Each structure stands twice: as C-alpha cells, then as structure tokens.
Amino acid sequence: MEKSRIKSSRFIIALLPAVLIVILLIWLLMTIFEGEKPQAHLEPLPDYLSKSITFNATVSDLKMGLRTVKVSVKQDGPVIPILKKSFPYDGLFNKRGIRTFKEEFTLDP
C-alpha cells in the first residue's frame, strides 16, 4: 500500500511540469495566432476612375500590430503597386509596434 502511494506521488510530481509546459505553450500560441484579421478601410470607393482621385487608406490590427501594408491596383493586366509600407517588429509580442496606419495617396488613371 505504501509503495503505491509513493509511485502515485512520483507520477504526479513528474506529470506536473509537463502539464505546465503544455499550458504555457497553448497560451503562447493563442497570443501569437490570435485569429483576428486586420481591419482595412479605403475611402472613397468609386465604381470607376475617370479623373485623378485622392484616397484615404486606414489599416489597423489592435492586437499584434501591423507588419506590412500593401495597396495595389489590377485591371485586365498586371498588378500595379500603389503603396507599400513595412513596419518593424518592436518589443515582446510587438507590444510597442504600429497598431494603426493612415495614408493618403492619389491615383491618376
């Protein structure tokens, strides 16, 4: 009876670090891959372009921050990049990184 108690207590002591490591790993993965998509907003949204128009782009990711913002145009041909901006990954889990980016650009057909 005494040996089974010793074996079960050793088993619990050996299992406890493994359980803690699994919990820590789950927390880390849920923090990094939060599953929330970044938000993008472009104004105005015309049906067609006949003259030069100034657009306002607003992009935000409030949890993990932004890494890259790209705006491009495509119509019956290759993709033409209009705006490309990269941001540094700053701090642990990008806590000091860029969360919201606003830019104004003009598109002339």
N, C-alpha and C. Protein backbone atom coordinates (compact mmCIF):
# COMPACT_ATOMS: atom_id res chain seq x y z
N MET A 1 0.82 -1.19 0.00
CA MET A 1 0.00 0.00 0.00
C MET A 1 0.87 1.26 0.00
N GLU A 2 1.92 1.23 0.81
CA GLU A 2 2.81 2.37 0.92
C GLU A 2 3.57 2.60 -0.39
N LYS A 3 3.96 1.52 -1.09
CA LYS A 3 4.68 1.66 -2.36
C LYS A 3 3.79 2.28 -3.43
N SER A 4 2.50 1.96 -3.46
CA SER A 4 1.62 2.53 -4.48
C SER A 4 1.42 4.02 -4.23
N ARG A 5 1.40 4.46 -2.98
CA ARG A 5 1.30 5.89 -2.68
C ARG A 5 2.56 6.62 -3.16
N ILE A 6 3.69 6.02 -2.92
CA ILE A 6 4.95 6.64 -3.35
C ILE A 6 5.00 6.72 -4.87
N LYS A 7 4.59 5.66 -5.56
CA LYS A 7 4.59 5.66 -7.02
C LYS A 7 3.61 6.69 -7.56
N SER A 8 2.42 6.80 -6.97
CA SER A 8 1.45 7.77 -7.47
C SER A 8 1.90 9.20 -7.20
N SER A 9 2.53 9.46 -6.07
CA SER A 9 3.02 10.82 -5.81
C SER A 9 4.19 11.17 -6.73
N ARG A 10 5.05 10.22 -7.05
CA ARG A 10 6.13 10.46 -8.02
C ARG A 10 5.56 10.72 -9.41
N PHE A 11 4.52 10.00 -9.75
CA PHE A 11 3.87 10.19 -11.05
C PHE A 11 3.29 11.60 -11.15
N ILE A 12 2.63 12.05 -10.09
CA ILE A 12 2.05 13.39 -10.09
C ILE A 12 3.14 14.45 -10.16
N ILE A 13 4.21 14.26 -9.41
CA ILE A 13 5.31 15.23 -9.43
C ILE A 13 5.98 15.26 -10.81
N ALA A 14 6.09 14.13 -11.46
CA ALA A 14 6.68 14.07 -12.79
C ALA A 14 5.74 14.64 -13.85
N LEU A 15 4.44 14.50 -13.65
CA LEU A 15 3.46 14.96 -14.63
C LEU A 15 3.22 16.47 -14.54
N LEU A 16 3.38 17.06 -13.38
CA LEU A 16 3.10 18.47 -13.16
C LEU A 16 3.91 19.39 -14.09
N PRO A 17 5.23 19.24 -14.24
CA PRO A 17 5.95 20.12 -15.18
C PRO A 17 5.48 19.95 -16.63
N ALA A 18 5.13 18.75 -17.02
CA ALA A 18 4.64 18.54 -18.39
C ALA A 18 3.33 19.28 -18.61
N VAL A 19 2.44 19.23 -17.64
CA VAL A 19 1.16 19.94 -17.75
C VAL A 19 1.40 21.45 -17.80
N LEU A 20 2.29 21.95 -16.99
CA LEU A 20 2.60 23.38 -17.00
C LEU A 20 3.20 23.82 -18.33
N ILE A 21 4.06 23.00 -18.90
CA ILE A 21 4.65 23.32 -20.20
C ILE A 21 3.58 23.34 -21.29
N VAL A 22 2.66 22.40 -21.26
CA VAL A 22 1.57 22.37 -22.25
C VAL A 22 0.69 23.61 -22.11
N ILE A 23 0.36 24.00 -20.88
CA ILE A 23 -0.46 25.19 -20.66
C ILE A 23 0.27 26.44 -21.16
N LEU A 24 1.55 26.54 -20.89
CA LEU A 24 2.34 27.68 -21.36
C LEU A 24 2.41 27.72 -22.89
N LEU A 25 2.57 26.58 -23.52
CA LEU A 25 2.62 26.50 -24.98
C LEU A 25 1.28 26.91 -25.59
N ILE A 26 0.18 26.46 -25.01
CA ILE A 26 -1.15 26.84 -25.51
C ILE A 26 -1.34 28.35 -25.40
N TRP A 27 -0.96 28.93 -24.26
CA TRP A 27 -1.08 30.38 -24.08
C TRP A 27 -0.25 31.13 -25.11
N LEU A 28 0.97 30.67 -25.34
CA LEU A 28 1.86 31.32 -26.30
C LEU A 28 1.28 31.28 -27.72
N LEU A 29 0.78 30.13 -28.13
CA LEU A 29 0.21 30.00 -29.47
C LEU A 29 -1.06 30.83 -29.62
N MET A 30 -1.88 30.91 -28.58
CA MET A 30 -3.10 31.71 -28.66
C MET A 30 -2.78 33.20 -28.70
N THR A 31 -1.67 33.60 -28.09
CA THR A 31 -1.27 35.01 -28.12
C THR A 31 -0.71 35.38 -29.49
N ILE A 32 0.13 34.54 -30.04
CA ILE A 32 0.74 34.83 -31.34
C ILE A 32 -0.28 34.73 -32.47
N PHE A 33 -1.07 33.68 -32.49
CA PHE A 33 -2.06 33.47 -33.54
C PHE A 33 -3.44 33.78 -32.99
N GLU A 34 -3.71 35.08 -32.78
CA GLU A 34 -4.95 35.46 -32.13
C GLU A 34 -6.18 35.20 -32.98
N GLY A 35 -6.01 35.03 -34.28
CA GLY A 35 -7.12 34.67 -35.15
C GLY A 35 -7.98 35.84 -35.59
N GLU A 36 -7.61 37.03 -35.23
CA GLU A 36 -8.38 38.20 -35.62
C GLU A 36 -7.71 38.86 -36.82
N LYS A 37 -8.48 39.10 -37.86
CA LYS A 37 -7.93 39.69 -39.07
C LYS A 37 -7.73 41.19 -38.89
N PRO A 38 -6.72 41.75 -39.55
CA PRO A 38 -6.56 43.21 -39.54
C PRO A 38 -7.73 43.87 -40.26
N GLN A 39 -8.02 45.10 -39.88
CA GLN A 39 -9.11 45.86 -40.49
C GLN A 39 -8.52 46.84 -41.51
N ALA A 40 -9.15 46.93 -42.68
CA ALA A 40 -8.71 47.87 -43.72
C ALA A 40 -9.92 48.66 -44.20
N HIS A 41 -9.70 49.95 -44.39
CA HIS A 41 -10.78 50.83 -44.84
C HIS A 41 -10.21 51.78 -45.89
N LEU A 42 -10.89 51.88 -47.03
CA LEU A 42 -10.45 52.74 -48.13
C LEU A 42 -11.60 53.66 -48.51
N GLU A 43 -11.32 54.96 -48.56
CA GLU A 43 -12.34 55.95 -48.94
C GLU A 43 -11.77 56.85 -50.01
N PRO A 44 -12.53 57.28 -50.97
CA PRO A 44 -13.84 56.81 -51.39
C PRO A 44 -13.72 55.51 -52.18
N LEU A 45 -14.85 54.89 -52.46
CA LEU A 45 -14.88 53.66 -53.26
C LEU A 45 -15.71 53.91 -54.52
N PRO A 46 -15.12 54.56 -55.53
CA PRO A 46 -15.87 54.84 -56.76
C PRO A 46 -16.06 53.57 -57.59
N ASP A 47 -17.09 53.58 -58.42
CA ASP A 47 -17.33 52.45 -59.32
C ASP A 47 -16.29 52.41 -60.44
N TYR A 48 -15.82 53.56 -60.86
CA TYR A 48 -14.80 53.64 -61.91
C TYR A 48 -13.96 54.89 -61.69
N LEU A 49 -12.80 54.93 -62.36
CA LEU A 49 -11.91 56.08 -62.27
C LEU A 49 -11.87 56.80 -63.61
N SER A 50 -12.30 58.06 -63.62
CA SER A 50 -12.24 58.84 -64.85
C SER A 50 -11.34 60.06 -64.69
N LYS A 51 -11.03 60.40 -63.45
CA LYS A 51 -10.14 61.53 -63.18
C LYS A 51 -9.29 61.19 -61.96
N SER A 52 -8.38 62.06 -61.66
CA SER A 52 -7.50 61.85 -60.51
C SER A 52 -8.30 61.91 -59.21
N ILE A 53 -8.12 60.90 -58.36
CA ILE A 53 -8.85 60.83 -57.09
C ILE A 53 -7.85 60.59 -55.96
N THR A 54 -8.07 61.28 -54.86
CA THR A 54 -7.26 61.08 -53.66
C THR A 54 -7.98 60.11 -52.74
N PHE A 55 -7.28 59.06 -52.35
CA PHE A 55 -7.84 58.03 -51.48
C PHE A 55 -7.24 58.15 -50.08
N ASN A 56 -8.02 57.78 -49.10
CA ASN A 56 -7.55 57.68 -47.72
C ASN A 56 -7.61 56.21 -47.32
N ALA A 57 -6.47 55.65 -46.96
CA ALA A 57 -6.40 54.25 -46.52
C ALA A 57 -6.12 54.23 -45.02
N THR A 58 -6.90 53.43 -44.30
CA THR A 58 -6.69 53.23 -42.87
C THR A 58 -6.63 51.74 -42.62
N VAL A 59 -5.55 51.29 -42.00
CA VAL A 59 -5.35 49.87 -41.70
C VAL A 59 -5.01 49.75 -40.23
N SER A 60 -5.62 48.75 -39.55
CA SER A 60 -5.32 48.58 -38.13
C SER A 60 -5.37 47.11 -37.72
N ASP A 61 -4.52 46.77 -36.80
CA ASP A 61 -4.51 45.47 -36.12
C ASP A 61 -4.18 45.77 -34.67
N LEU A 62 -5.21 45.82 -33.84
CA LEU A 62 -5.05 46.29 -32.47
C LEU A 62 -4.40 45.27 -31.55
N LYS A 63 -4.36 44.01 -31.93
CA LYS A 63 -3.77 43.01 -31.04
C LYS A 63 -2.27 42.84 -31.27
N MET A 64 -1.87 42.32 -32.42
CA MET A 64 -0.46 42.03 -32.67
C MET A 64 0.26 43.11 -33.46
N GLY A 65 -0.44 44.10 -33.97
CA GLY A 65 0.21 45.17 -34.70
C GLY A 65 0.42 44.83 -36.17
N LEU A 66 0.82 45.83 -36.91
CA LEU A 66 0.99 45.70 -38.36
C LEU A 66 2.43 45.36 -38.70
N ARG A 67 2.62 44.55 -39.72
CA ARG A 67 3.96 44.24 -40.23
C ARG A 67 4.16 44.88 -41.60
N THR A 68 3.16 44.72 -42.49
CA THR A 68 3.27 45.26 -43.85
C THR A 68 1.90 45.72 -44.32
N VAL A 69 1.88 46.85 -45.03
CA VAL A 69 0.65 47.36 -45.65
C VAL A 69 0.94 47.48 -47.14
N LYS A 70 0.07 46.90 -47.96
CA LYS A 70 0.21 46.97 -49.42
C LYS A 70 -1.12 47.38 -50.03
N VAL A 71 -1.06 48.34 -50.95
CA VAL A 71 -2.23 48.75 -51.73
C VAL A 71 -1.81 48.62 -53.18
N SER A 72 -2.64 47.93 -53.97
CA SER A 72 -2.31 47.75 -55.39
C SER A 72 -3.58 47.82 -56.22
N VAL A 73 -3.38 48.01 -57.53
CA VAL A 73 -4.48 48.12 -58.48
C VAL A 73 -4.29 47.06 -59.54
N LYS A 74 -5.41 46.44 -59.96
CA LYS A 74 -5.35 45.45 -61.03
C LYS A 74 -6.60 45.59 -61.90
N GLN A 75 -6.35 45.69 -63.20
CA GLN A 75 -7.45 45.71 -64.16
C GLN A 75 -6.94 45.13 -65.47
N ASP A 76 -7.39 43.96 -65.81
CA ASP A 76 -7.05 43.30 -67.08
C ASP A 76 -5.55 43.30 -67.37
N GLY A 77 -4.77 43.04 -66.39
CA GLY A 77 -3.33 43.02 -66.61
C GLY A 77 -2.59 42.78 -65.31
N PRO A 78 -1.35 43.25 -65.29
CA PRO A 78 -0.54 43.01 -64.09
C PRO A 78 -1.01 43.86 -62.90
N VAL A 79 -0.62 43.43 -61.73
CA VAL A 79 -0.91 44.17 -60.51
C VAL A 79 0.08 45.32 -60.39
N ILE A 80 -0.44 46.52 -60.18
CA ILE A 80 0.40 47.71 -60.07
C ILE A 80 0.42 48.15 -58.61
N PRO A 81 1.57 48.11 -57.95
CA PRO A 81 1.63 48.54 -56.55
C PRO A 81 1.50 50.06 -56.44
N ILE A 82 0.65 50.50 -55.54
CA ILE A 82 0.44 51.93 -55.30
C ILE A 82 1.14 52.37 -54.02
N LEU A 83 1.05 51.53 -52.99
CA LEU A 83 1.60 51.87 -51.68
C LEU A 83 2.11 50.59 -51.03
N LYS A 84 3.32 50.66 -50.50
CA LYS A 84 3.88 49.53 -49.75
C LYS A 84 4.67 50.09 -48.59
N LYS A 85 4.32 49.65 -47.39
CA LYS A 85 4.98 50.14 -46.18
C LYS A 85 5.20 48.97 -45.23
N SER A 86 6.43 48.83 -44.74
CA SER A 86 6.76 47.78 -43.77
C SER A 86 7.08 48.43 -42.43
N PHE A 87 6.70 47.74 -41.36
CA PHE A 87 6.92 48.25 -40.01
C PHE A 87 7.78 47.27 -39.23
N PRO A 88 8.63 47.77 -38.34
CA PRO A 88 9.48 46.86 -37.55
C PRO A 88 8.66 46.15 -36.47
N TYR A 89 9.10 44.96 -36.13
CA TYR A 89 8.51 44.20 -35.03
C TYR A 89 9.20 44.69 -33.77
N ASP A 90 8.50 45.43 -32.92
CA ASP A 90 9.13 46.16 -31.82
C ASP A 90 8.64 45.65 -30.47
N GLY A 91 9.53 45.08 -29.70
CA GLY A 91 9.20 44.62 -28.36
C GLY A 91 8.67 43.19 -28.35
N LEU A 92 8.50 42.67 -27.14
CA LEU A 92 7.96 41.32 -26.97
C LEU A 92 6.52 41.29 -27.45
N PHE A 93 6.20 40.40 -28.36
CA PHE A 93 4.87 40.27 -28.98
C PHE A 93 4.45 41.57 -29.66
N ASN A 94 5.41 42.35 -30.11
CA ASN A 94 5.18 43.60 -30.83
C ASN A 94 4.33 44.58 -30.02
N LYS A 95 4.54 44.62 -28.72
CA LYS A 95 3.75 45.49 -27.83
C LYS A 95 3.94 46.97 -28.16
N ARG A 96 5.14 47.37 -28.62
CA ARG A 96 5.39 48.77 -28.95
C ARG A 96 5.28 49.02 -30.44
N GLY A 97 4.77 48.07 -31.20
CA GLY A 97 4.69 48.20 -32.65
C GLY A 97 3.55 49.10 -33.10
N ILE A 98 3.46 49.28 -34.40
CA ILE A 98 2.44 50.12 -35.01
C ILE A 98 1.11 49.36 -35.03
N ARG A 99 0.06 49.96 -34.49
CA ARG A 99 -1.27 49.34 -34.44
C ARG A 99 -2.19 49.89 -35.53
N THR A 100 -2.04 51.17 -35.85
CA THR A 100 -2.91 51.82 -36.84
C THR A 100 -2.05 52.64 -37.79
N PHE A 101 -2.39 52.56 -39.07
CA PHE A 101 -1.65 53.28 -40.10
C PHE A 101 -2.66 53.98 -41.01
N LYS A 102 -2.44 55.27 -41.24
CA LYS A 102 -3.29 56.06 -42.14
C LYS A 102 -2.40 56.69 -43.20
N GLU A 103 -2.85 56.62 -44.43
CA GLU A 103 -2.07 57.19 -45.54
C GLU A 103 -3.03 57.72 -46.59
N GLU A 104 -2.65 58.82 -47.20
CA GLU A 104 -3.41 59.42 -48.29
C GLU A 104 -2.57 59.31 -49.56
N PHE A 105 -3.20 58.85 -50.64
CA PHE A 105 -2.49 58.74 -51.91
C PHE A 105 -3.45 59.09 -53.05
N THR A 106 -2.85 59.52 -54.17
CA THR A 106 -3.63 59.92 -55.33
C THR A 106 -3.42 58.92 -56.45
N LEU A 107 -4.51 58.55 -57.08
CA LEU A 107 -4.47 57.63 -58.21
C LEU A 107 -4.97 58.36 -59.45
N ASP A 108 -4.11 58.43 -60.46
CA ASP A 108 -4.45 59.13 -61.70
C ASP A 108 -4.50 58.11 -62.84
N PRO A 109 -5.68 57.88 -63.40
CA PRO A 109 -5.77 56.86 -64.46
C PRO A 109 -5.08 57.35 -65.69
